[in-house]
Amino acid sequence: MRIVITGALGQLGRALQNALAGDDLVLIDVPDWDITDPQSVPRMADLKPEVVIHCAAMTNVEGCVNNPDLA
């Protein structure tokens, strides 16, 4: 199965890579992919995934508190 994992370099993304090692994984993370950019939608569609697992997140808690719109 072709699976896209966003936030692939984070803790959850890495754990999923291990758990899904037998599948066709497409790993997405910054700086190559910015999922907040609307152009990421057609780029991802071009990959023709069967499943997308969204693990990308802001992990800077203080940054989220100080920038709620960005978070």
PDB file of N, CA and C in Angstrom:
ATOM      1  N   MET A   1       0.845  -1.171   0.000  1.00  0.00           N
ATOM      2  CA  MET A   1       0.000   0.000   0.000  1.00  0.00           C
ATOM      3  C   MET A   1       0.894   1.240   0.000  1.00  0.00           C
ATOM      4  N   ARG A   2       0.526   2.249  -0.779  1.00  0.00           N
ATOM      5  CA  ARG A   2       1.281   3.509  -0.841  1.00  0.00           C
ATOM      6  C   ARG A   2       0.737   4.436   0.239  1.00  0.00           C
ATOM      7  N   ILE A   3       1.600   4.785   1.200  1.00  0.00           N
ATOM      8  CA  ILE A   3       1.202   5.580   2.354  1.00  0.00           C
ATOM      9  C   ILE A   3       2.091   6.817   2.442  1.00  0.00           C
ATOM     10  N   VAL A   4       1.476   7.985   2.525  1.00  0.00           N
ATOM     11  CA  VAL A   4       2.195   9.232   2.772  1.00  0.00           C
ATOM     12  C   VAL A   4       2.142   9.496   4.267  1.00  0.00           C
ATOM     13  N   ILE A   5       3.300   9.791   4.852  1.00  0.00           N
ATOM     14  CA  ILE A   5       3.372  10.166   6.267  1.00  0.00           C
ATOM     15  C   ILE A   5       3.901  11.596   6.339  1.00  0.00           C
ATOM     16  N   THR A   6       3.058  12.526   6.820  1.00  0.00           N
ATOM     17  CA  THR A   6       3.525  13.889   7.058  1.00  0.00           C
ATOM     18  C   THR A   6       4.172  13.912   8.440  1.00  0.00           C
ATOM     19  N   GLY A   7       5.098  14.825   8.639  1.00  0.00           N
ATOM     20  CA  GLY A   7       5.806  14.864   9.916  1.00  0.00           C
ATOM     21  C   GLY A   7       6.663  13.625  10.117  1.00  0.00           C
ATOM     22  N   ALA A   8       7.219  13.113   9.032  1.00  0.00           N
ATOM     23  CA  ALA A   8       7.930  11.834   9.047  1.00  0.00           C
ATOM     24  C   ALA A   8       9.190  11.837   9.913  1.00  0.00           C
ATOM     25  N   LEU A   9       9.744  13.013  10.191  1.00  0.00           N
ATOM     26  CA  LEU A   9      10.962  13.067  10.985  1.00  0.00           C
ATOM     27  C   LEU A   9      10.698  13.209  12.484  1.00  0.00           C
ATOM     28  N   GLY A  10       9.425  13.329  12.853  1.00  0.00           N
ATOM     29  CA  GLY A  10       9.070  13.436  14.273  1.00  0.00           C
ATOM     30  C   GLY A  10       8.986  12.069  14.926  1.00  0.00           C
ATOM     31  N   GLN A  11       8.721  12.084  16.230  1.00  0.00           N
ATOM     32  CA  GLN A  11       8.677  10.844  17.004  1.00  0.00           C
ATOM     33  C   GLN A  11       7.605   9.879  16.484  1.00  0.00           C
ATOM     34  N   LEU A  12       6.400  10.354  16.278  1.00  0.00           N
ATOM     35  CA  LEU A  12       5.330   9.489  15.776  1.00  0.00           C
ATOM     36  C   LEU A  12       5.596   9.049  14.342  1.00  0.00           C
ATOM     37  N   GLY A  13       6.066   9.973  13.512  1.00  0.00           N
ATOM     38  CA  GLY A  13       6.369   9.638  12.124  1.00  0.00           C
ATOM     39  C   GLY A  13       7.415   8.537  12.017  1.00  0.00           C
ATOM     40  N   ARG A  14       8.444   8.608  12.846  1.00  0.00           N
ATOM     41  CA  ARG A  14       9.492   7.579  12.828  1.00  0.00           C
ATOM     42  C   ARG A  14       8.958   6.229  13.319  1.00  0.00           C
ATOM     43  N   ALA A  15       8.123   6.265  14.337  1.00  0.00           N
ATOM     44  CA  ALA A  15       7.543   5.016  14.849  1.00  0.00           C
ATOM     45  C   ALA A  15       6.670   4.355  13.782  1.00  0.00           C
ATOM     46  N   LEU A  16       5.922   5.169  13.043  1.00  0.00           N
ATOM     47  CA  LEU A  16       5.081   4.621  11.979  1.00  0.00           C
ATOM     48  C   LEU A  16       5.922   4.035  10.852  1.00  0.00           C
ATOM     49  N   GLN A  17       7.057   4.631  10.572  1.00  0.00           N
ATOM     50  CA  GLN A  17       7.935   4.084   9.540  1.00  0.00           C
ATOM     51  C   GLN A  17       8.362   2.664   9.908  1.00  0.00           C
ATOM     52  N   ASN A  18       8.683   2.459  11.174  1.00  0.00           N
ATOM     53  CA  ASN A  18       9.062   1.123  11.629  1.00  0.00           C
ATOM     54  C   ASN A  18       7.885   0.163  11.546  1.00  0.00           C
ATOM     55  N   ALA A  19       6.720   0.621  11.990  1.00  0.00           N
ATOM     56  CA  ALA A  19       5.541  -0.242  12.023  1.00  0.00           C
ATOM     57  C   ALA A  19       5.041  -0.595  10.626  1.00  0.00           C
ATOM     58  N   LEU A  20       5.249   0.287   9.669  1.00  0.00           N
ATOM     59  CA  LEU A  20       4.732   0.102   8.306  1.00  0.00           C
ATOM     60  C   LEU A  20       5.839  -0.192   7.301  1.00  0.00           C
ATOM     61  N   ALA A  21       6.939  -0.717   7.763  1.00  0.00           N
ATOM     62  CA  ALA A  21       8.123  -0.916   6.923  1.00  0.00           C
ATOM     63  C   ALA A  21       7.849  -1.752   5.674  1.00  0.00           C
ATOM     64  N   GLY A  22       6.843  -2.594   5.672  1.00  0.00           N
ATOM     65  CA  GLY A  22       6.556  -3.427   4.511  1.00  0.00           C
ATOM     66  C   GLY A  22       5.769  -2.721   3.420  1.00  0.00           C
ATOM     67  N   ASP A  23       5.314  -1.501   3.690  1.00  0.00           N
ATOM     68  CA  ASP A  23       4.515  -0.754   2.725  1.00  0.00           C
ATOM     69  C   ASP A  23       5.380   0.215   1.931  1.00  0.00           C
ATOM     70  N   ASP A  24       4.815   0.790   0.872  1.00  0.00           N
ATOM     71  CA  ASP A  24       5.469   1.797   0.050  1.00  0.00           C
ATOM     72  C   ASP A  24       5.252   3.147   0.733  1.00  0.00           C
ATOM     73  N   LEU A  25       6.246   3.590   1.502  1.00  0.00           N
ATOM     74  CA  LEU A  25       6.108   4.807   2.283  1.00  0.00           C
ATOM     75  C   LEU A  25       6.683   6.004   1.547  1.00  0.00           C
ATOM     76  N   VAL A  26       5.937   7.099   1.576  1.00  0.00           N
ATOM     77  CA  VAL A  26       6.404   8.384   1.068  1.00  0.00           C
ATOM     78  C   VAL A  26       6.482   9.295   2.287  1.00  0.00           C
ATOM     79  N   LEU A  27       7.688   9.746   2.610  1.00  0.00           N
ATOM     80  CA  LEU A  27       7.927  10.488   3.837  1.00  0.00           C
ATOM     81  C   LEU A  27       8.022  11.977   3.551  1.00  0.00           C
ATOM     82  N   ILE A  28       7.201  12.750   4.246  1.00  0.00           N
ATOM     83  CA  ILE A  28       7.104  14.189   4.018  1.00  0.00           C
ATOM     84  C   ILE A  28       7.414  14.924   5.320  1.00  0.00           C
ATOM     85  N   ASP A  29       8.289  15.922   5.219  1.00  0.00           N
ATOM     86  CA  ASP A  29       8.593  16.759   6.379  1.00  0.00           C
ATOM     87  C   ASP A  29       9.228  18.057   5.881  1.00  0.00           C
ATOM     88  N   VAL A  30       9.306  19.032   6.769  1.00  0.00           N
ATOM     89  CA  VAL A  30       9.964  20.297   6.448  1.00  0.00           C
ATOM     90  C   VAL A  30      11.460  20.056   6.366  1.00  0.00           C
ATOM     91  N   PRO A  31      12.221  20.772   5.606  1.00  0.00           N
ATOM     92  CA  PRO A  31      11.840  21.954   4.835  1.00  0.00           C
ATOM     93  C   PRO A  31      11.355  21.644   3.416  1.00  0.00           C
ATOM     94  N   ASP A  32      11.417  20.388   2.983  1.00  0.00           N
ATOM     95  CA  ASP A  32      11.018  20.054   1.612  1.00  0.00           C
ATOM     96  C   ASP A  32       9.519  20.207   1.370  1.00  0.00           C
ATOM     97  N   TRP A  33       8.728  19.989   2.403  1.00  0.00           N
ATOM     98  CA  TRP A  33       7.274  20.094   2.295  1.00  0.00           C
ATOM     99  C   TRP A  33       6.763  20.998   3.399  1.00  0.00           C
ATOM    100  N   ASP A  34       5.939  21.959   3.044  1.00  0.00           N
ATOM    101  CA  ASP A  34       5.248  22.802   4.013  1.00  0.00           C
ATOM    102  C   ASP A  34       3.764  22.529   3.835  1.00  0.00           C
ATOM    103  N   ILE A  35       3.194  21.733   4.731  1.00  0.00           N
ATOM    104  CA  ILE A  35       1.797  21.336   4.549  1.00  0.00           C
ATOM    105  C   ILE A  35       0.825  22.491   4.735  1.00  0.00           C
ATOM    106  N   THR A  36       1.304  23.652   5.220  1.00  0.00           N
ATOM    107  CA  THR A  36       0.430  24.816   5.321  1.00  0.00           C
ATOM    108  C   THR A  36       0.349  25.575   4.002  1.00  0.00           C
ATOM    109  N   ASP A  37       1.180  25.214   3.043  1.00  0.00           N
ATOM    110  CA  ASP A  37       1.172  25.832   1.717  1.00  0.00           C
ATOM    111  C   ASP A  37       0.109  25.151   0.861  1.00  0.00           C
ATOM    112  N   PRO A  38      -0.850  25.902   0.337  1.00  0.00           N
ATOM    113  CA  PRO A  38      -1.896  25.295  -0.490  1.00  0.00           C
ATOM    114  C   PRO A  38      -1.364  24.479  -1.663  1.00  0.00           C
ATOM    115  N   GLN A  39      -0.172  24.792  -2.143  1.00  0.00           N
ATOM    116  CA  GLN A  39       0.408  24.037  -3.262  1.00  0.00           C
ATOM    117  C   GLN A  39       0.821  22.622  -2.860  1.00  0.00           C
ATOM    118  N   SER A  40       0.840  22.342  -1.560  1.00  0.00           N
ATOM    119  CA  SER A  40       1.188  20.988  -1.120  1.00  0.00           C
ATOM    120  C   SER A  40       0.073  19.994  -1.454  1.00  0.00           C
ATOM    121  N   VAL A  41      -1.153  20.487  -1.621  1.00  0.00           N
ATOM    122  CA  VAL A  41      -2.276  19.591  -1.921  1.00  0.00           C
ATOM    123  C   VAL A  41      -2.115  18.929  -3.293  1.00  0.00           C
ATOM    124  N   PRO A  42      -1.914  19.692  -4.371  1.00  0.00           N
ATOM    125  CA  PRO A  42      -1.718  19.017  -5.661  1.00  0.00           C
ATOM    126  C   PRO A  42      -0.419  18.207  -5.711  1.00  0.00           C
ATOM    127  N   ARG A  43       0.603  18.675  -5.011  1.00  0.00           N
ATOM    128  CA  ARG A  43       1.854  17.901  -4.961  1.00  0.00           C
ATOM    129  C   ARG A  43       1.609  16.535  -4.343  1.00  0.00           C
ATOM    130  N   MET A  44       0.839  16.518  -3.253  1.00  0.00           N
ATOM    131  CA  MET A  44       0.554  15.254  -2.585  1.00  0.00           C
ATOM    132  C   MET A  44      -0.338  14.378  -3.464  1.00  0.00           C
ATOM    133  N   ALA A  45      -1.291  14.970  -4.143  1.00  0.00           N
ATOM    134  CA  ALA A  45      -2.170  14.204  -5.025  1.00  0.00           C
ATOM    135  C   ALA A  45      -1.370  13.540  -6.138  1.00  0.00           C
ATOM    136  N   ASP A  46      -0.328  14.213  -6.600  1.00  0.00           N
ATOM    137  CA  ASP A  46       0.526  13.640  -7.640  1.00  0.00           C
ATOM    138  C   ASP A  46       1.233  12.370  -7.179  1.00  0.00           C
ATOM    139  N   LEU A  47       1.384  12.206  -5.878  1.00  0.00           N
ATOM    140  CA  LEU A  47       2.023  11.006  -5.330  1.00  0.00           C
ATOM    141  C   LEU A  47       1.097   9.785  -5.373  1.00  0.00           C
ATOM    142  N   LYS A  48      -0.182  10.027  -5.565  1.00  0.00           N
ATOM    143  CA  LYS A  48      -1.209   8.993  -5.652  1.00  0.00           C
ATOM    144  C   LYS A  48      -1.192   8.030  -4.451  1.00  0.00           C
ATOM    145  N   PRO A  49      -1.274   8.602  -3.236  1.00  0.00           N
ATOM    146  CA  PRO A  49      -1.297   7.735  -2.060  1.00  0.00           C
ATOM    147  C   PRO A  49      -2.649   7.058  -1.896  1.00  0.00           C
ATOM    148  N   GLU A  50      -2.632   5.891  -1.296  1.00  0.00           N
ATOM    149  CA  GLU A  50      -3.880   5.228  -0.905  1.00  0.00           C
ATOM    150  C   GLU A  50      -4.319   5.713   0.467  1.00  0.00           C
ATOM    151  N   VAL A  51      -3.330   6.086   1.287  1.00  0.00           N
ATOM    152  CA  VAL A  51      -3.585   6.556   2.652  1.00  0.00           C
ATOM    153  C   VAL A  51      -2.621   7.695   2.960  1.00  0.00           C
ATOM    154  N   VAL A  52      -3.109   8.696   3.683  1.00  0.00           N
ATOM    155  CA  VAL A  52      -2.250   9.757   4.210  1.00  0.00           C
ATOM    156  C   VAL A  52      -2.389   9.730   5.726  1.00  0.00           C
ATOM    157  N   ILE A  53      -1.254   9.614   6.411  1.00  0.00           N
ATOM    158  CA  ILE A  53      -1.247   9.670   7.873  1.00  0.00           C
ATOM    159  C   ILE A  53      -0.594  10.987   8.251  1.00  0.00           C
ATOM    160  N   HIS A  54      -1.396  11.852   8.859  1.00  0.00           N
ATOM    161  CA  HIS A  54      -0.949  13.212   9.164  1.00  0.00           C
ATOM    162  C   HIS A  54      -0.381  13.272  10.585  1.00  0.00           C
ATOM    163  N   CYS A  55       0.946  13.353  10.674  1.00  0.00           N
ATOM    164  CA  CYS A  55       1.635  13.430  11.965  1.00  0.00           C
ATOM    165  C   CYS A  55       2.329  14.768  12.173  1.00  0.00           C
ATOM    166  N   ALA A  56       2.288  15.642  11.185  1.00  0.00           N
ATOM    167  CA  ALA A  56       2.975  16.927  11.297  1.00  0.00           C
ATOM    168  C   ALA A  56       2.303  17.784  12.361  1.00  0.00           C
ATOM    169  N   ALA A  57       3.128  18.477  13.141  1.00  0.00           N
ATOM    170  CA  ALA A  57       2.593  19.318  14.210  1.00  0.00           C
ATOM    171  C   ALA A  57       3.636  20.314  14.661  1.00  0.00           C
ATOM    172  N   MET A  58       3.172  21.375  15.264  1.00  0.00           N
ATOM    173  CA  MET A  58       4.087  22.288  15.947  1.00  0.00           C
ATOM    174  C   MET A  58       4.364  21.689  17.317  1.00  0.00           C
ATOM    175  N   THR A  59       5.607  21.571  17.660  1.00  0.00           N
ATOM    176  CA  THR A  59       5.953  20.959  18.942  1.00  0.00           C
ATOM    177  C   THR A  59       6.462  21.966  19.965  1.00  0.00           C
ATOM    178  N   ASN A  60       6.595  23.201  19.555  1.00  0.00           N
ATOM    179  CA  ASN A  60       7.031  24.254  20.462  1.00  0.00           C
ATOM    180  C   ASN A  60       5.804  24.783  21.202  1.00  0.00           C
ATOM    181  N   VAL A  61       5.590  24.302  22.415  1.00  0.00           N
ATOM    182  CA  VAL A  61       4.390  24.658  23.176  1.00  0.00           C
ATOM    183  C   VAL A  61       4.310  26.159  23.416  1.00  0.00           C
ATOM    184  N   GLU A  62       5.399  26.752  23.830  1.00  0.00           N
ATOM    185  CA  GLU A  62       5.395  28.200  24.082  1.00  0.00           C
ATOM    186  C   GLU A  62       5.129  28.977  22.796  1.00  0.00           C
ATOM    187  N   GLY A  63       5.703  28.495  21.680  1.00  0.00           N
ATOM    188  CA  GLY A  63       5.455  29.135  20.403  1.00  0.00           C
ATOM    189  C   GLY A  63       3.983  29.050  20.008  1.00  0.00           C
ATOM    190  N   CYS A  64       3.330  27.955  20.318  1.00  0.00           N
ATOM    191  CA  CYS A  64       1.904  27.805  20.035  1.00  0.00           C
ATOM    192  C   CYS A  64       1.071  28.768  20.880  1.00  0.00           C
ATOM    193  N   VAL A  65       1.455  28.905  22.156  1.00  0.00           N
ATOM    194  CA  VAL A  65       0.736  29.829  23.049  1.00  0.00           C
ATOM    195  C   VAL A  65       0.891  31.267  22.563  1.00  0.00           C
ATOM    196  N   ASN A  66       2.111  31.612  22.149  1.00  0.00           N
ATOM    197  CA  ASN A  66       2.373  32.973  21.709  1.00  0.00           C
ATOM    198  C   ASN A  66       1.866  33.276  20.314  1.00  0.00           C
ATOM    199  N   ASN A  67       1.640  32.254  19.497  1.00  0.00           N
ATOM    200  CA  ASN A  67       1.172  32.425  18.115  1.00  0.00           C
ATOM    201  C   ASN A  67      -0.001  31.494  17.829  1.00  0.00           C
ATOM    202  N   PRO A  68      -1.138  31.699  18.488  1.00  0.00           N
ATOM    203  CA  PRO A  68      -2.259  30.765  18.317  1.00  0.00           C
ATOM    204  C   PRO A  68      -2.774  30.675  16.885  1.00  0.00           C
ATOM    205  N   ASP A  69      -2.713  31.754  16.130  1.00  0.00           N
ATOM    206  CA  ASP A  69      -3.180  31.686  14.736  1.00  0.00           C
ATOM    207  C   ASP A  69      -2.287  30.768  13.910  1.00  0.00           C
ATOM    208  N   LEU A  70      -1.003  30.830  14.139  1.00  0.00           N
ATOM    209  CA  LEU A  70      -0.068  29.966  13.437  1.00  0.00           C
ATOM    210  C   LEU A  70      -0.255  28.504  13.879  1.00  0.00           C
ATOM    211  N   ALA A  71      -0.453  28.328  15.175  1.00  0.00           N
ATOM    212  CA  ALA A  71      -0.635  26.967  15.710  1.00  0.00           C
ATOM    213  C   ALA A  71      -1.905  26.360  15.164  1.00  0.00           C
TER     214      ALA A  71
END
